């Protein structure tokens, strides 16, 4: 169960930059990065994962952070809840996530930490720095109704999760159903 929770939890994020920016491990970014570049994450996403449903809701950027609430349900039961925070730290971005069991007890004493490794238009990638957790985590907004989370586990297994807006939730003034009907 912990492995499933950890795997799914590391699958949740995306960001936006105008030009590709790369950074070597433990080296700060030299270009200016704004948390507002991640505004495209704002909204609600969901999709099937391991026989359940993963839901993610991103709040708009504010005060040098952007945050998300994640819920995974299966067979009518909430398996876990997760909080994600991306924060501007110096000239870079840092992602922290904490997973909670159904009773809202943290699954680990400290949150998982990821450092920014690359930012491009509609894509952001992080490198894991927490011991025994995912090595990589990235988010991509492929289209208005297609959000992809990719991560590499500590056992070097690559995972991809595809999400879309819930049918009744508006993204950019249109519902997920309207976007899907348009084929976007």
C-alpha atoms as a PDB file:
ATOM      1  CA  UNK A   1       0.000   0.000   0.000  1.00  0.00           C
ATOM      2  CA  UNK A   2       2.786   2.455   0.901  1.00  0.00           C
ATOM      3  CA  UNK A   3       4.533   1.673  -2.410  1.00  0.00           C
ATOM      4  CA  UNK A   4       1.304   2.360  -4.338  1.00  0.00           C
ATOM      5  CA  UNK A   5       0.714   5.594  -2.431  1.00  0.00           C
ATOM      6  CA  UNK A   6       4.291   6.704  -2.937  1.00  0.00           C
ATOM      7  CA  UNK A   7       4.176   5.837  -6.641  1.00  0.00           C
ATOM      8  CA  UNK A   8       0.925   7.659  -7.321  1.00  0.00           C
ATOM      9  CA  UNK A   9       1.824  10.645  -5.177  1.00  0.00           C
ATOM     10  CA  UNK A  10       4.992  11.332  -7.108  1.00  0.00           C
ATOM     11  CA  UNK A  11       3.003  11.548 -10.288  1.00  0.00           C
ATOM     12  CA  UNK A  12       1.439  14.975  -9.846  1.00  0.00           C
ATOM     13  CA  UNK A  13       2.757  18.220 -11.340  1.00  0.00           C
ATOM     14  CA  UNK A  14       3.310  20.514 -14.387  1.00  0.00           C
ATOM     15  CA  UNK A  15       4.793  23.902 -15.090  1.00  0.00           C
ATOM     16  CA  UNK A  16       5.377  26.467 -17.782  1.00  0.00           C
ATOM     17  CA  UNK A  17       8.383  28.399 -18.999  1.00  0.00           C
ATOM     18  CA  UNK A  18       8.964  30.249 -22.261  1.00  0.00           C
ATOM     19  CA  UNK A  19      12.394  28.878 -23.094  1.00  0.00           C
ATOM     20  CA  UNK A  20      14.155  25.740 -22.019  1.00  0.00           C
ATOM     21  CA  UNK A  21      16.318  26.194 -18.953  1.00  0.00           C
ATOM     22  CA  UNK A  22      18.654  23.467 -17.734  1.00  0.00           C
ATOM     23  CA  UNK A  23      20.598  23.298 -14.515  1.00  0.00           C
ATOM     24  CA  UNK A  24      23.371  20.999 -13.390  1.00  0.00           C
ATOM     25  CA  UNK A  25      22.924  19.202 -10.056  1.00  0.00           C
ATOM     26  CA  UNK A  26      23.413  21.538  -7.081  1.00  0.00           C
ATOM     27  CA  UNK A  27      23.888  24.578  -9.371  1.00  0.00           C
ATOM     28  CA  UNK A  28      21.494  27.543  -9.144  1.00  0.00           C
ATOM     29  CA  UNK A  29      19.617  28.802 -12.187  1.00  0.00           C
ATOM     30  CA  UNK A  30      21.108  31.949 -13.628  1.00  0.00           C
ATOM     31  CA  UNK A  31      17.940  33.035 -15.455  1.00  0.00           C
ATOM     32  CA  UNK A  32      15.034  34.623 -13.627  1.00  0.00           C
ATOM     33  CA  UNK A  33      12.217  32.194 -12.876  1.00  0.00           C
ATOM     34  CA  UNK A  34       8.782  33.298 -11.709  1.00  0.00           C
ATOM     35  CA  UNK A  35       6.199  31.148  -9.934  1.00  0.00           C
ATOM     36  CA  UNK A  36       3.689  32.808 -12.287  1.00  0.00           C
ATOM     37  CA  UNK A  37       5.161  30.688 -15.105  1.00  0.00           C
ATOM     38  CA  UNK A  38       3.209  27.813 -13.535  1.00  0.00           C
ATOM     39  CA  UNK A  39      -0.236  29.404 -13.859  1.00  0.00           C
ATOM     40  CA  UNK A  40      -1.145  26.769 -16.468  1.00  0.00           C
ATOM     41  CA  UNK A  41      -1.260  24.181 -13.666  1.00  0.00           C
ATOM     42  CA  UNK A  42      -4.239  25.960 -12.105  1.00  0.00           C
ATOM     43  CA  UNK A  43      -7.421  23.924 -12.255  1.00  0.00           C
ATOM     44  CA  UNK A  44      -8.754  20.423 -11.719  1.00  0.00           C
ATOM     45  CA  UNK A  45      -7.429  17.181 -13.261  1.00  0.00           C
ATOM     46  CA  UNK A  46      -8.364  13.516 -12.915  1.00  0.00           C
ATOM     47  CA  UNK A  47      -7.681  10.122 -14.432  1.00  0.00           C
ATOM     48  CA  UNK A  48      -7.568   6.380 -13.855  1.00  0.00           C
ATOM     49  CA  UNK A  49      -4.611   4.901 -11.965  1.00  0.00           C
ATOM     50  CA  UNK A  50      -4.239   1.277 -10.802  1.00  0.00           C
ATOM     51  CA  UNK A  51      -7.993   0.625 -10.765  1.00  0.00           C
ATOM     52  CA  UNK A  52      -8.785   3.875  -8.946  1.00  0.00           C
ATOM     53  CA  UNK A  53      -9.169   7.591  -9.699  1.00  0.00           C
ATOM     54  CA  UNK A  54      -6.489  10.194  -9.082  1.00  0.00           C
ATOM     55  CA  UNK A  55      -7.755  13.773  -8.675  1.00  0.00           C
ATOM     56  CA  UNK A  56      -5.635  16.906  -8.503  1.00  0.00           C
ATOM     57  CA  UNK A  57      -6.684  20.512  -7.862  1.00  0.00           C
ATOM     58  CA  UNK A  58      -4.123  23.310  -8.335  1.00  0.00           C
ATOM     59  CA  UNK A  59      -4.567  26.751  -6.766  1.00  0.00           C
ATOM     60  CA  UNK A  60      -3.331  29.830  -8.670  1.00  0.00           C
ATOM     61  CA  UNK A  61       0.212  31.093  -8.016  1.00  0.00           C
ATOM     62  CA  UNK A  62       0.439  33.473  -5.056  1.00  0.00           C
ATOM     63  CA  UNK A  63       3.182  34.736  -2.722  1.00  0.00           C
ATOM     64  CA  UNK A  64       5.952  32.834  -4.592  1.00  0.00           C
ATOM     65  CA  UNK A  65       4.142  29.478  -4.286  1.00  0.00           C
ATOM     66  CA  UNK A  66       1.666  27.311  -6.169  1.00  0.00           C
ATOM     67  CA  UNK A  67      -0.069  24.464  -4.344  1.00  0.00           C
ATOM     68  CA  UNK A  68      -2.166  21.384  -5.089  1.00  0.00           C
ATOM     69  CA  UNK A  69      -4.447  18.982  -3.254  1.00  0.00           C
ATOM     70  CA  UNK A  70      -4.432  15.392  -4.512  1.00  0.00           C
ATOM     71  CA  UNK A  71      -6.828  12.553  -3.676  1.00  0.00           C
ATOM     72  CA  UNK A  72      -6.668   8.908  -4.730  1.00  0.00           C
ATOM     73  CA  UNK A  73      -9.841   6.836  -4.394  1.00  0.00           C
ATOM     74  CA  UNK A  74     -10.448   3.180  -5.172  1.00  0.00           C
ATOM     75  CA  UNK A  75     -13.543   1.021  -4.660  1.00  0.00           C
ATOM     76  CA  UNK A  76     -15.353   3.915  -2.975  1.00  0.00           C
ATOM     77  CA  UNK A  77     -12.583   4.502  -0.423  1.00  0.00           C
ATOM     78  CA  UNK A  78     -10.051   7.341  -0.145  1.00  0.00           C
ATOM     79  CA  UNK A  79      -6.640   5.642  -0.146  1.00  0.00           C
ATOM     80  CA  UNK A  80      -4.587   8.798   0.439  1.00  0.00           C
ATOM     81  CA  UNK A  81      -4.517  12.586   0.279  1.00  0.00           C
ATOM     82  CA  UNK A  82      -1.456  14.559  -0.774  1.00  0.00           C
ATOM     83  CA  UNK A  83      -0.352  18.181  -0.525  1.00  0.00           C
ATOM     84  CA  UNK A  84       2.091  19.619  -3.079  1.00  0.00           C
ATOM     85  CA  UNK A  85       3.823  22.982  -2.843  1.00  0.00           C
ATOM     86  CA  UNK A  86       6.153  24.474  -5.424  1.00  0.00           C
ATOM     87  CA  UNK A  87       8.020  27.459  -4.081  1.00  0.00           C
ATOM     88  CA  UNK A  88      10.522  29.915  -5.458  1.00  0.00           C
ATOM     89  CA  UNK A  89      13.761  29.427  -3.543  1.00  0.00           C
ATOM     90  CA  UNK A  90      16.529  31.816  -4.586  1.00  0.00           C
ATOM     91  CA  UNK A  91      16.744  31.710  -8.396  1.00  0.00           C
ATOM     92  CA  UNK A  92      15.074  28.303  -8.688  1.00  0.00           C
ATOM     93  CA  UNK A  93      11.957  26.323  -7.751  1.00  0.00           C
ATOM     94  CA  UNK A  94      11.589  23.572  -5.166  1.00  0.00           C
ATOM     95  CA  UNK A  95       8.741  21.057  -4.929  1.00  0.00           C
ATOM     96  CA  UNK A  96       7.718  19.543  -1.606  1.00  0.00           C
ATOM     97  CA  UNK A  97       5.015  16.928  -1.223  1.00  0.00           C
ATOM     98  CA  UNK A  98       3.537  15.204   1.779  1.00  0.00           C
ATOM     99  CA  UNK A  99       1.294  12.139   1.573  1.00  0.00           C
ATOM    100  CA  UNK A 100      -1.339  11.444   4.244  1.00  0.00           C
ATOM    101  CA  UNK A 101      -3.227   8.237   4.983  1.00  0.00           C
ATOM    102  CA  UNK A 102      -7.079   8.284   5.135  1.00  0.00           C
ATOM    103  CA  UNK A 103      -6.890   9.409   8.800  1.00  0.00           C
ATOM    104  CA  UNK A 104      -4.678  12.354   7.733  1.00  0.00           C
ATOM    105  CA  UNK A 105      -1.577  10.969   9.430  1.00  0.00           C
ATOM    106  CA  UNK A 106       1.588  11.746   7.410  1.00  0.00           C
ATOM    107  CA  UNK A 107       3.000   8.648   5.718  1.00  0.00           C
ATOM    108  CA  UNK A 108       6.528   9.984   6.365  1.00  0.00           C
ATOM    109  CA  UNK A 109       7.915  12.257   9.056  1.00  0.00           C
ATOM    110  CA  UNK A 110       9.241  14.809   6.532  1.00  0.00           C
ATOM    111  CA  UNK A 111       7.934  15.850   3.112  1.00  0.00           C
ATOM    112  CA  UNK A 112       9.584  14.593  -0.077  1.00  0.00           C
ATOM    113  CA  UNK A 113      11.787  17.257  -1.675  1.00  0.00           C
ATOM    114  CA  UNK A 114      12.533  17.825  -5.374  1.00  0.00           C
ATOM    115  CA  UNK A 115      14.818  20.408  -6.984  1.00  0.00           C
ATOM    116  CA  UNK A 116      14.106  21.980 -10.363  1.00  0.00           C
ATOM    117  CA  UNK A 117      16.123  20.384 -13.149  1.00  0.00           C
ATOM    118  CA  UNK A 118      14.435  21.749 -16.305  1.00  0.00           C
ATOM    119  CA  UNK A 119      11.667  24.127 -17.251  1.00  0.00           C
ATOM    120  CA  UNK A 120      10.199  24.578 -20.737  1.00  0.00           C
ATOM    121  CA  UNK A 121       6.935  25.842 -22.144  1.00  0.00           C
ATOM    122  CA  UNK A 122       4.156  23.762 -20.506  1.00  0.00           C
ATOM    123  CA  UNK A 123       6.665  21.340 -18.919  1.00  0.00           C
ATOM    124  CA  UNK A 124       8.578  21.249 -15.662  1.00  0.00           C
ATOM    125  CA  UNK A 125      10.971  18.582 -14.379  1.00  0.00           C
ATOM    126  CA  UNK A 126      12.387  17.990 -10.924  1.00  0.00           C
ATOM    127  CA  UNK A 127      15.145  15.829  -9.489  1.00  0.00           C
ATOM    128  CA  UNK A 128      14.400  14.024  -6.242  1.00  0.00           C
ATOM    129  CA  UNK A 129      16.672  14.761  -3.293  1.00  0.00           C
ATOM    130  CA  UNK A 130      14.817  12.792  -0.593  1.00  0.00           C
ATOM    131  CA  UNK A 131      16.351   9.448   0.338  1.00  0.00           C
ATOM    132  CA  UNK A 132      14.444   6.355  -0.893  1.00  0.00           C
ATOM    133  CA  UNK A 133      11.933   8.303  -2.970  1.00  0.00           C
ATOM    134  CA  UNK A 134      11.473   9.099  -6.643  1.00  0.00           C
ATOM    135  CA  UNK A 135      14.506  10.118  -8.627  1.00  0.00           C
ATOM    136  CA  UNK A 136      12.607  12.288 -11.131  1.00  0.00           C
ATOM    137  CA  UNK A 137       9.190  13.959 -11.337  1.00  0.00           C
ATOM    138  CA  UNK A 138       7.766  16.012 -14.187  1.00  0.00           C
ATOM    139  CA  UNK A 139       4.506  17.581 -15.297  1.00  0.00           C
ATOM    140  CA  UNK A 140       3.442  18.476 -18.805  1.00  0.00           C
ATOM    141  CA  UNK A 141       0.370  20.227 -20.190  1.00  0.00           C
ATOM    142  CA  UNK A 142       0.154  18.472 -23.551  1.00  0.00           C
ATOM    143  CA  UNK A 143      -3.082  20.263 -24.565  1.00  0.00           C
ATOM    144  CA  UNK A 144      -5.929  22.144 -22.825  1.00  0.00           C
ATOM    145  CA  UNK A 145      -7.454  18.816 -21.736  1.00  0.00           C
ATOM    146  CA  UNK A 146      -4.387  16.568 -21.370  1.00  0.00           C
ATOM    147  CA  UNK A 147      -2.058  16.715 -18.377  1.00  0.00           C
ATOM    148  CA  UNK A 148       0.766  14.167 -17.954  1.00  0.00           C
ATOM    149  CA  UNK A 149       2.701  13.274 -14.816  1.00  0.00           C
ATOM    150  CA  UNK A 150       5.905  11.287 -15.238  1.00  0.00           C
ATOM    151  CA  UNK A 151       8.238   9.983 -12.587  1.00  0.00           C
ATOM    152  CA  UNK A 152      11.080   7.565 -12.083  1.00  0.00           C
ATOM    153  CA  UNK A 153      10.953   5.484  -8.918  1.00  0.00           C
ATOM    154  CA  UNK A 154      13.926   4.875  -6.633  1.00  0.00           C
ATOM    155  CA  UNK A 155      14.068   1.418  -8.306  1.00  0.00           C
ATOM    156  CA  UNK A 156      14.531   3.217 -11.680  1.00  0.00           C
ATOM    157  CA  UNK A 157      11.070   2.297 -13.010  1.00  0.00           C
ATOM    158  CA  UNK A 158       9.462   4.902 -15.292  1.00  0.00           C
ATOM    159  CA  UNK A 159       5.764   5.678 -14.723  1.00  0.00           C
ATOM    160  CA  UNK A 160       3.370   7.906 -16.707  1.00  0.00           C
ATOM    161  CA  UNK A 161      -0.093   9.073 -15.601  1.00  0.00           C
ATOM    162  CA  UNK A 162      -2.495  10.825 -17.981  1.00  0.00           C
ATOM    163  CA  UNK A 163      -5.108  13.204 -16.557  1.00  0.00           C
ATOM    164  CA  UNK A 164      -7.862  15.383 -18.030  1.00  0.00           C
ATOM    165  CA  UNK A 165     -10.303  17.967 -16.668  1.00  0.00           C
ATOM    166  CA  UNK A 166     -13.415  16.498 -15.017  1.00  0.00           C
ATOM    167  CA  UNK A 167     -16.339  16.867 -17.421  1.00  0.00           C
ATOM    168  CA  UNK A 168     -18.190  19.490 -15.346  1.00  0.00           C
ATOM    169  CA  UNK A 169     -15.177  21.603 -14.326  1.00  0.00           C
ATOM    170  CA  UNK A 170     -14.227  24.691 -16.344  1.00  0.00           C
ATOM    171  CA  UNK A 171     -10.693  25.193 -17.688  1.00  0.00           C
ATOM    172  CA  UNK A 172     -10.110  28.437 -19.540  1.00  0.00           C
ATOM    173  CA  UNK A 173     -13.857  29.166 -19.582  1.00  0.00           C
ATOM    174  CA  UNK A 174     -14.829  25.762 -21.021  1.00  0.00           C
ATOM    175  CA  UNK A 175     -15.776  22.513 -19.318  1.00  0.00           C
ATOM    176  CA  UNK A 176     -13.761  19.343 -19.783  1.00  0.00           C
ATOM    177  CA  UNK A 177     -16.641  17.915 -21.867  1.00  0.00           C
ATOM    178  CA  UNK A 178     -16.601  20.990 -24.146  1.00  0.00           C
ATOM    179  CA  UNK A 179     -12.833  20.704 -24.605  1.00  0.00           C
ATOM    180  CA  UNK A 180     -13.100  16.973 -25.361  1.00  0.00           C
ATOM    181  CA  UNK A 181     -15.896  17.624 -27.911  1.00  0.00           C
ATOM    182  CA  UNK A 182     -13.602  20.104 -29.658  1.00  0.00           C
ATOM    183  CA  UNK A 183     -10.860  17.460 -29.750  1.00  0.00           C
ATOM    184  CA  UNK A 184      -8.315  19.594 -27.925  1.00  0.00           C
END
